[in-house]
Amino acid sequence: MLEILGLPLAAGAAEVAVAAGIGVRILHSGDTAQIAMRDADIAMYSAKWSGKARWKAFDPETGAQAARRIALIGDLPRGSRCYARLPAVRPAGARTERRPSTSA
């Protein structure tokens, strides 16, 4: 699946390379959809943290670590949370508009 998802895609005249991180959660009797999706999501982020184009199966220890991080973030005062800024992506050859500076 990762090999197929890694094939370049045509986007107009350009080709776009993509990579996927996949999280796997094996269901057990009594599992709810909410638990299965949460655990698969944790596994997916674990795969992404390991590098591009990887898959990971859910590991209960990784799930416990994620739960501890979520609890710590929830305990922070609202104004002190820090979020990473994602870089903006501009296609090659795209024009950039310059805005007039508002600083003196």
Protein backbone atom coordinates (compact mmCIF):
# COMPACT_ATOMS: atom_id res chain seq x y z
CA MET A 1 0.00 0.00 0.00
CA LEU A 2 2.81 2.42 0.87
CA GLU A 3 4.46 1.73 -2.49
CA ILE A 4 1.28 2.62 -4.37
CA LEU A 5 0.64 5.72 -2.25
CA GLY A 6 4.23 6.83 -2.93
CA LEU A 7 3.78 6.98 -6.70
CA PRO A 8 3.95 10.54 -8.09
CA LEU A 9 0.64 12.23 -8.92
CA ALA A 10 -0.02 14.45 -11.91
CA ALA A 11 -1.09 17.94 -10.90
CA GLY A 12 -1.59 19.86 -14.11
CA ALA A 13 1.79 19.95 -15.85
CA ALA A 14 3.67 19.06 -12.68
CA GLU A 15 4.20 15.87 -10.72
CA VAL A 16 3.63 15.84 -6.98
CA ALA A 17 5.39 13.38 -4.69
CA VAL A 18 3.47 12.22 -1.63
CA ALA A 19 4.23 9.92 1.29
CA ALA A 20 1.88 8.29 3.76
CA GLY A 21 2.08 7.26 7.38
CA ILE A 22 -0.29 4.42 8.24
CA GLY A 23 -1.49 3.36 11.68
CA VAL A 24 -2.88 -0.14 12.25
CA ARG A 25 -5.04 -1.27 15.15
CA ILE A 26 -6.17 -4.89 15.44
CA LEU A 27 -9.70 -5.04 16.82
CA HIS A 28 -10.59 -7.24 19.77
CA SER A 29 -13.98 -8.33 21.02
CA GLY A 30 -15.70 -5.44 22.77
CA ASP A 31 -13.61 -2.69 21.14
CA THR A 32 -15.58 0.38 20.16
CA ALA A 33 -15.06 2.33 16.95
CA GLN A 34 -13.93 5.33 19.02
CA ILE A 35 -11.19 3.32 20.76
CA ALA A 36 -10.09 1.68 17.50
CA MET A 37 -9.83 5.03 15.70
CA ARG A 38 -8.00 6.68 18.60
CA ASP A 39 -5.44 3.86 18.76
CA ALA A 40 -4.98 3.74 14.96
CA ASP A 41 -4.44 7.52 15.03
CA ILE A 42 -1.75 7.14 17.73
CA ALA A 43 -0.06 4.42 15.63
CA MET A 44 -0.23 6.65 12.52
CA TYR A 45 1.51 9.53 14.30
CA SER A 46 4.11 7.09 15.63
CA ALA A 47 4.76 6.01 12.02
CA LYS A 48 5.06 9.65 10.89
CA TRP A 49 7.53 10.43 13.72
CA SER A 50 9.64 7.47 12.53
CA GLY A 51 10.04 8.94 9.04
CA LYS A 52 8.24 9.13 5.73
CA ALA A 53 6.36 6.26 4.10
CA ARG A 54 6.08 3.99 7.14
CA TRP A 55 3.42 2.02 8.93
CA LYS A 56 3.13 1.10 12.61
CA ALA A 57 0.88 -1.21 14.52
CA PHE A 58 -0.65 0.17 17.72
CA ASP A 59 1.47 -0.53 20.78
CA PRO A 60 -0.16 -0.17 24.22
CA GLU A 61 2.99 1.47 25.64
CA THR A 62 2.94 4.11 22.88
CA GLY A 63 -0.76 4.62 23.65
CA ALA A 64 0.01 5.14 27.35
CA GLN A 65 2.72 7.69 26.49
CA ALA A 66 0.31 9.57 24.23
CA ALA A 67 -2.35 9.59 26.97
CA ARG A 68 0.19 11.07 29.43
CA ARG A 69 1.15 13.80 26.92
CA ILE A 70 -2.50 14.64 26.27
CA ALA A 71 -3.15 14.85 30.02
CA LEU A 72 -0.16 17.17 30.50
CA ILE A 73 -1.30 19.45 27.67
CA GLY A 74 -4.81 19.53 29.14
CA ASP A 75 -3.38 20.61 32.50
CA LEU A 76 -1.60 23.65 31.01
CA PRO A 77 -3.27 27.03 31.43
CA ARG A 78 -5.07 27.93 28.22
CA GLY A 79 -2.78 30.82 27.24
CA SER A 80 0.46 28.87 27.69
CA ARG A 81 -0.13 26.22 25.03
CA CYS A 82 2.35 26.34 22.21
CA TYR A 83 1.60 25.15 18.71
CA ALA A 84 4.11 24.59 15.92
CA ARG A 85 3.71 26.69 12.79
CA LEU A 86 3.64 24.68 9.59
CA PRO A 87 5.57 26.10 6.65
CA ALA A 88 3.61 27.49 3.74
CA VAL A 89 4.13 25.65 0.47
CA ARG A 90 4.23 27.45 -2.85
CA PRO A 91 4.42 25.56 -6.17
CA ALA A 92 7.63 26.08 -8.13
CA GLY A 93 7.29 29.02 -10.50
CA ALA A 94 4.34 30.54 -8.61
CA ARG A 95 4.35 34.32 -8.43
CA THR A 96 4.68 35.93 -5.04
CA GLU A 97 2.77 39.12 -4.39
CA ARG A 98 4.63 41.64 -2.30
CA ARG A 99 2.55 43.56 0.15
CA PRO A 100 3.50 47.08 1.15
CA SER A 101 5.31 47.19 4.46
CA THR A 102 3.29 48.65 7.33
CA SER A 103 6.33 49.21 9.51
CA ALA A 104 8.21 52.50 9.55
